[in-house]
Amino acid sequence: MHKNRLEAFSDGVMAIILTIMVLELKVPHSADPDALRPLLPVFLSYVLSFVYVGIYWNNHHHLFHAARRVNGAILWANLHLLFWLSLIPFVTGWMGENHYRTLPVMGYGAILFMSAVAYYLLGRAMVAHEGCDSPVARALLHDVKGLASLALYAAGIALSYAAPWAGILLYCLVALLWLVPDRRIEKVLANGTD
């Protein structure tokens, strides 16, 4: 199967996720700058989640650029990823509205963790379909940053139980690690003959 419909659908879902998140930002009913103060946690949560969805969109784009075709397993793995990403607006709002209380911060970390697991599984499905010598397989061979992210998410969830801000700091650290797009695929495509 061609990959164009999967890419277009995924782009649309991620655009909707971003739209839902921005619509959750409530407009203050006052022009007084003090009216913005209670919205700061919600806005900061939005910024972090916007960065995360942007990171997933960017890396998803790179990943599918390296793929030639897709199959049913890849379609389902992609839907699995989109499911977890679609929960980001919910946990973003929950965390921001509750000013980074323990359970919402742990829930946010759990969604980030499951999104990372889903992205990993998508990559494995693509390698299984494309073959061990494919550009996708060569690019995903040493996924140190991906495995480190999973460990940091797990640590952030655990730390959030005692100190929610520690969890938030770890989630921000992972976002910073991924802010520079994953260059492995670009390098493989530039050096390969595919």
C-alpha atoms as a PDB file:
ATOM      1  CA  MET A   1       0.000   0.000   0.000  1.00  0.00           C
ATOM      2  CA  HIS A   2       1.077   3.548  -0.622  1.00  0.00           C
ATOM      3  CA  LYS A   3       1.916   5.676   2.404  1.00  0.00           C
ATOM      4  CA  ASN A   4       0.348   8.979   1.256  1.00  0.00           C
ATOM      5  CA  ARG A   5      -3.074   8.463   2.856  1.00  0.00           C
ATOM      6  CA  LEU A   6      -1.528   7.408   6.167  1.00  0.00           C
ATOM      7  CA  GLU A   7       0.682  10.506   6.210  1.00  0.00           C
ATOM      8  CA  ALA A   8      -2.195  12.840   5.300  1.00  0.00           C
ATOM      9  CA  PHE A   9      -4.481  11.284   7.915  1.00  0.00           C
ATOM     10  CA  SER A  10      -1.774  11.509  10.599  1.00  0.00           C
ATOM     11  CA  ASP A  11      -1.041  15.143   9.731  1.00  0.00           C
ATOM     12  CA  GLY A  12      -4.748  15.925  10.021  1.00  0.00           C
ATOM     13  CA  VAL A  13      -5.090  14.213  13.397  1.00  0.00           C
ATOM     14  CA  MET A  14      -2.057  16.048  14.770  1.00  0.00           C
ATOM     15  CA  ALA A  15      -3.446  19.363  13.492  1.00  0.00           C
ATOM     16  CA  ILE A  16      -6.731  18.633  15.258  1.00  0.00           C
ATOM     17  CA  ILE A  17      -4.860  17.788  18.467  1.00  0.00           C
ATOM     18  CA  LEU A  18      -3.125  21.181  18.353  1.00  0.00           C
ATOM     19  CA  THR A  19      -6.420  22.920  17.617  1.00  0.00           C
ATOM     20  CA  ILE A  20      -8.170  21.247  20.541  1.00  0.00           C
ATOM     21  CA  MET A  21      -5.353  22.282  22.865  1.00  0.00           C
ATOM     22  CA  VAL A  22      -5.466  25.945  21.863  1.00  0.00           C
ATOM     23  CA  LEU A  23      -9.253  26.015  22.194  1.00  0.00           C
ATOM     24  CA  GLU A  24      -8.836  24.932  25.818  1.00  0.00           C
ATOM     25  CA  LEU A  25      -7.081  28.248  26.572  1.00  0.00           C
ATOM     26  CA  LYS A  26      -9.841  30.368  28.092  1.00  0.00           C
ATOM     27  CA  VAL A  27      -9.909  34.082  27.403  1.00  0.00           C
ATOM     28  CA  PRO A  28      -9.921  36.207  30.587  1.00  0.00           C
ATOM     29  CA  HIS A  29     -12.944  38.448  31.075  1.00  0.00           C
ATOM     30  CA  SER A  30     -10.767  41.352  32.134  1.00  0.00           C
ATOM     31  CA  ALA A  31      -8.127  43.491  30.428  1.00  0.00           C
ATOM     32  CA  ASP A  32      -6.218  43.681  33.703  1.00  0.00           C
ATOM     33  CA  PRO A  33      -2.829  41.908  33.473  1.00  0.00           C
ATOM     34  CA  ASP A  34      -3.590  40.242  36.815  1.00  0.00           C
ATOM     35  CA  ALA A  35      -6.361  38.297  35.054  1.00  0.00           C
ATOM     36  CA  LEU A  36      -3.643  36.396  33.158  1.00  0.00           C
ATOM     37  CA  ARG A  37      -1.892  35.120  36.283  1.00  0.00           C
ATOM     38  CA  PRO A  38      -4.304  32.205  36.954  1.00  0.00           C
ATOM     39  CA  LEU A  39      -3.969  31.162  33.301  1.00  0.00           C
ATOM     40  CA  LEU A  40      -0.173  30.820  33.471  1.00  0.00           C
ATOM     41  CA  PRO A  41      -0.144  27.095  34.448  1.00  0.00           C
ATOM     42  CA  VAL A  42      -2.626  26.319  31.670  1.00  0.00           C
ATOM     43  CA  PHE A  43      -0.564  28.283  29.136  1.00  0.00           C
ATOM     44  CA  LEU A  44       2.729  26.662  30.198  1.00  0.00           C
ATOM     45  CA  SER A  45       1.124  23.223  29.946  1.00  0.00           C
ATOM     46  CA  TYR A  46      -0.080  24.144  26.464  1.00  0.00           C
ATOM     47  CA  VAL A  47       3.415  25.256  25.392  1.00  0.00           C
ATOM     48  CA  LEU A  48       4.993  21.997  26.603  1.00  0.00           C
ATOM     49  CA  SER A  49       2.331  19.902  24.878  1.00  0.00           C
ATOM     50  CA  PHE A  50       2.567  21.936  21.675  1.00  0.00           C
ATOM     51  CA  VAL A  51       6.300  21.225  21.624  1.00  0.00           C
ATOM     52  CA  TYR A  52       5.650  17.509  22.171  1.00  0.00           C
ATOM     53  CA  VAL A  53       3.084  17.231  19.379  1.00  0.00           C
ATOM     54  CA  GLY A  54       5.467  19.177  17.132  1.00  0.00           C
ATOM     55  CA  ILE A  55       8.279  16.759  17.955  1.00  0.00           C
ATOM     56  CA  TYR A  56       6.086  13.769  17.138  1.00  0.00           C
ATOM     57  CA  TRP A  57       4.898  15.364  13.900  1.00  0.00           C
ATOM     58  CA  ASN A  58       8.484  16.145  12.842  1.00  0.00           C
ATOM     59  CA  ASN A  59       9.838  12.688  13.649  1.00  0.00           C
ATOM     60  CA  HIS A  60       6.765  10.989  12.142  1.00  0.00           C
ATOM     61  CA  HIS A  61       7.405  12.927   8.938  1.00  0.00           C
ATOM     62  CA  HIS A  62      11.059  11.838   8.876  1.00  0.00           C
ATOM     63  CA  LEU A  63      10.177   8.230   9.629  1.00  0.00           C
ATOM     64  CA  PHE A  64       7.670   7.968   6.793  1.00  0.00           C
ATOM     65  CA  HIS A  65       9.980   9.784   4.415  1.00  0.00           C
ATOM     66  CA  ALA A  66      12.325   6.802   4.748  1.00  0.00           C
ATOM     67  CA  ALA A  67       9.564   4.238   4.178  1.00  0.00           C
ATOM     68  CA  ARG A  68       8.626   3.010   0.730  1.00  0.00           C
ATOM     69  CA  ARG A  69       5.242   1.462   1.471  1.00  0.00           C
ATOM     70  CA  VAL A  70       3.007   0.493   4.393  1.00  0.00           C
ATOM     71  CA  ASN A  71       1.007  -2.565   5.384  1.00  0.00           C
ATOM     72  CA  GLY A  72      -1.840  -3.329   7.777  1.00  0.00           C
ATOM     73  CA  ALA A  73       0.471  -3.717  10.788  1.00  0.00           C
ATOM     74  CA  ILE A  74       1.911  -0.253  10.167  1.00  0.00           C
ATOM     75  CA  LEU A  75      -1.579   1.225   9.802  1.00  0.00           C
ATOM     76  CA  TRP A  76      -2.601  -0.224  13.180  1.00  0.00           C
ATOM     77  CA  ALA A  77       0.672   0.792  14.845  1.00  0.00           C
ATOM     78  CA  ASN A  78       0.165   4.319  13.522  1.00  0.00           C
ATOM     79  CA  LEU A  79      -3.399   4.404  14.883  1.00  0.00           C
ATOM     80  CA  HIS A  80      -2.024   3.210  18.230  1.00  0.00           C
ATOM     81  CA  LEU A  81       0.357   6.179  18.246  1.00  0.00           C
ATOM     82  CA  LEU A  82      -2.400   8.605  17.256  1.00  0.00           C
ATOM     83  CA  PHE A  83      -4.619   7.259  20.046  1.00  0.00           C
ATOM     84  CA  TRP A  84      -2.074   8.162  22.719  1.00  0.00           C
ATOM     85  CA  LEU A  85      -1.289  11.510  21.107  1.00  0.00           C
ATOM     86  CA  SER A  86      -5.009  12.317  20.997  1.00  0.00           C
ATOM     87  CA  LEU A  87      -5.090  12.110  24.814  1.00  0.00           C
ATOM     88  CA  ILE A  88      -2.483  14.865  25.157  1.00  0.00           C
ATOM     89  CA  PRO A  89      -5.095  17.691  25.097  1.00  0.00           C
ATOM     90  CA  PHE A  90      -7.001  16.027  27.955  1.00  0.00           C
ATOM     91  CA  VAL A  91      -3.991  15.574  30.248  1.00  0.00           C
ATOM     92  CA  THR A  92      -2.636  18.998  29.254  1.00  0.00           C
ATOM     93  CA  GLY A  93      -5.840  20.674  30.398  1.00  0.00           C
ATOM     94  CA  TRP A  94      -6.104  18.502  33.509  1.00  0.00           C
ATOM     95  CA  MET A  95      -2.544  19.290  34.553  1.00  0.00           C
ATOM     96  CA  GLY A  96      -2.776  23.031  33.843  1.00  0.00           C
ATOM     97  CA  GLU A  97      -6.202  23.532  35.421  1.00  0.00           C
ATOM     98  CA  ASN A  98      -5.056  21.762  38.582  1.00  0.00           C
ATOM     99  CA  HIS A  99      -1.813  23.727  38.790  1.00  0.00           C
ATOM    100  CA  TYR A 100       0.523  20.726  38.472  1.00  0.00           C
ATOM    101  CA  ARG A 101      -0.936  18.592  41.249  1.00  0.00           C
ATOM    102  CA  THR A 102       0.375  15.067  41.700  1.00  0.00           C
ATOM    103  CA  LEU A 103      -2.147  12.886  39.886  1.00  0.00           C
ATOM    104  CA  PRO A 104      -2.504  15.099  36.769  1.00  0.00           C
ATOM    105  CA  VAL A 105       1.286  15.346  36.422  1.00  0.00           C
ATOM    106  CA  MET A 106       1.586  11.570  36.767  1.00  0.00           C
ATOM    107  CA  GLY A 107      -1.201  11.162  34.182  1.00  0.00           C
ATOM    108  CA  TYR A 108       0.584  13.522  31.808  1.00  0.00           C
ATOM    109  CA  GLY A 109       3.768  11.479  32.166  1.00  0.00           C
ATOM    110  CA  ALA A 110       1.868   8.246  31.583  1.00  0.00           C
ATOM    111  CA  ILE A 111       0.471   9.575  28.284  1.00  0.00           C
ATOM    112  CA  LEU A 112       3.946  10.726  27.223  1.00  0.00           C
ATOM    113  CA  PHE A 113       5.343   7.305  28.159  1.00  0.00           C
ATOM    114  CA  MET A 114       2.672   5.451  26.189  1.00  0.00           C
ATOM    115  CA  SER A 115       3.125   7.769  23.191  1.00  0.00           C
ATOM    116  CA  ALA A 116       6.838   6.938  23.204  1.00  0.00           C
ATOM    117  CA  VAL A 117       6.071   3.205  23.442  1.00  0.00           C
ATOM    118  CA  ALA A 118       3.636   3.533  20.533  1.00  0.00           C
ATOM    119  CA  TYR A 119       6.222   5.385  18.416  1.00  0.00           C
ATOM    120  CA  TYR A 120       8.763   2.662  19.186  1.00  0.00           C
ATOM    121  CA  LEU A 121       6.260  -0.036  18.139  1.00  0.00           C
ATOM    122  CA  LEU A 122       5.502   1.885  14.937  1.00  0.00           C
ATOM    123  CA  GLY A 123       9.205   1.897  14.128  1.00  0.00           C
ATOM    124  CA  ARG A 124       9.436  -1.853  14.789  1.00  0.00           C
ATOM    125  CA  ALA A 125       6.444  -2.501  12.517  1.00  0.00           C
ATOM    126  CA  MET A 126       8.094  -0.469   9.781  1.00  0.00           C
ATOM    127  CA  VAL A 127      11.390  -2.331  10.148  1.00  0.00           C
ATOM    128  CA  ALA A 128       9.561  -5.669   9.988  1.00  0.00           C
ATOM    129  CA  HIS A 129       7.813  -4.585   6.782  1.00  0.00           C
ATOM    130  CA  GLU A 130      10.737  -2.806   5.094  1.00  0.00           C
ATOM    131  CA  GLY A 131      13.430  -5.329   6.030  1.00  0.00           C
ATOM    132  CA  CYS A 132      16.607  -5.282   8.097  1.00  0.00           C
ATOM    133  CA  ASP A 133      18.652  -3.571   5.369  1.00  0.00           C
ATOM    134  CA  SER A 134      16.134  -0.785   4.732  1.00  0.00           C
ATOM    135  CA  PRO A 135      16.812   2.893   5.469  1.00  0.00           C
ATOM    136  CA  VAL A 136      14.246   2.729   8.288  1.00  0.00           C
ATOM    137  CA  ALA A 137      16.036  -0.233   9.903  1.00  0.00           C
ATOM    138  CA  ARG A 138      19.449   1.420   9.609  1.00  0.00           C
ATOM    139  CA  ALA A 139      18.109   4.691  11.041  1.00  0.00           C
ATOM    140  CA  LEU A 140      16.382   3.054  14.013  1.00  0.00           C
ATOM    141  CA  LEU A 141      19.210   0.642  14.818  1.00  0.00           C
ATOM    142  CA  HIS A 142      20.664   2.538  17.786  1.00  0.00           C
ATOM    143  CA  ASP A 143      17.740   4.299  19.441  1.00  0.00           C
ATOM    144  CA  VAL A 144      19.565   5.542  22.539  1.00  0.00           C
ATOM    145  CA  LYS A 145      17.540   8.751  22.734  1.00  0.00           C
ATOM    146  CA  GLY A 146      14.253   6.842  22.451  1.00  0.00           C
ATOM    147  CA  LEU A 147      15.157   4.386  25.210  1.00  0.00           C
ATOM    148  CA  ALA A 148      16.508   7.187  27.404  1.00  0.00           C
ATOM    149  CA  SER A 149      13.215   9.039  26.928  1.00  0.00           C
ATOM    150  CA  LEU A 150      11.244   6.031  28.164  1.00  0.00           C
ATOM    151  CA  ALA A 151      13.449   5.819  31.255  1.00  0.00           C
ATOM    152  CA  LEU A 152      13.102   9.560  31.929  1.00  0.00           C
ATOM    153  CA  TYR A 153       9.309   9.404  31.544  1.00  0.00           C
ATOM    154  CA  ALA A 154       9.141   6.499  33.998  1.00  0.00           C
ATOM    155  CA  ALA A 155      11.365   8.387  36.432  1.00  0.00           C
ATOM    156  CA  GLY A 156       9.228  11.513  35.980  1.00  0.00           C
ATOM    157  CA  ILE A 157       6.050   9.584  36.768  1.00  0.00           C
ATOM    158  CA  ALA A 158       7.626   8.097  39.901  1.00  0.00           C
ATOM    159  CA  LEU A 159       9.102  11.422  41.054  1.00  0.00           C
ATOM    160  CA  SER A 160       5.777  13.178  40.473  1.00  0.00           C
ATOM    161  CA  TYR A 161       4.273  11.150  43.280  1.00  0.00           C
ATOM    162  CA  ALA A 162       6.467  12.972  45.809  1.00  0.00           C
ATOM    163  CA  ALA A 163       7.311  16.175  43.904  1.00  0.00           C
ATOM    164  CA  PRO A 164       5.228  16.999  40.805  1.00  0.00           C
ATOM    165  CA  TRP A 165       7.671  19.721  39.735  1.00  0.00           C
ATOM    166  CA  ALA A 166      10.444  17.132  39.525  1.00  0.00           C
ATOM    167  CA  GLY A 167       8.328  15.177  37.068  1.00  0.00           C
ATOM    168  CA  ILE A 168       7.615  18.301  35.032  1.00  0.00           C
ATOM    169  CA  LEU A 169      11.334  19.080  34.889  1.00  0.00           C
ATOM    170  CA  LEU A 170      12.070  15.590  33.551  1.00  0.00           C
ATOM    171  CA  TYR A 171       9.308  15.917  30.936  1.00  0.00           C
ATOM    172  CA  CYS A 172      10.831  19.259  29.891  1.00  0.00           C
ATOM    173  CA  LEU A 173      14.269  17.626  29.716  1.00  0.00           C
ATOM    174  CA  VAL A 174      12.975  14.961  27.325  1.00  0.00           C
ATOM    175  CA  ALA A 175      11.359  17.644  25.169  1.00  0.00           C
ATOM    176  CA  LEU A 176      14.691  19.489  25.038  1.00  0.00           C
ATOM    177  CA  LEU A 177      16.447  16.268  24.002  1.00  0.00           C
ATOM    178  CA  TRP A 178      14.056  15.919  21.072  1.00  0.00           C
ATOM    179  CA  LEU A 179      13.757  19.595  20.149  1.00  0.00           C
ATOM    180  CA  VAL A 180      16.501  19.007  17.626  1.00  0.00           C
ATOM    181  CA  PRO A 181      14.845  16.616  15.166  1.00  0.00           C
ATOM    182  CA  ASP A 182      16.042  13.033  14.970  1.00  0.00           C
ATOM    183  CA  ARG A 183      18.760  13.295  12.326  1.00  0.00           C
ATOM    184  CA  ARG A 184      19.389   9.544  12.010  1.00  0.00           C
ATOM    185  CA  ILE A 185      16.952   9.153   9.136  1.00  0.00           C
ATOM    186  CA  GLU A 186      18.330  12.157   7.255  1.00  0.00           C
ATOM    187  CA  LYS A 187      21.860  10.766   7.629  1.00  0.00           C
ATOM    188  CA  VAL A 188      20.860   7.300   6.427  1.00  0.00           C
ATOM    189  CA  LEU A 189      19.033   8.700   3.403  1.00  0.00           C
ATOM    190  CA  ALA A 190      21.911  11.055   2.562  1.00  0.00           C
ATOM    191  CA  ASN A 191      24.507   8.275   2.829  1.00  0.00           C
ATOM    192  CA  GLY A 192      22.468   5.456   1.299  1.00  0.00           C
ATOM    193  CA  THR A 193      21.443   4.645  -2.196  1.00  0.00           C
ATOM    194  CA  ASP A 194      17.710   4.422  -1.349  1.00  0.00           C
END
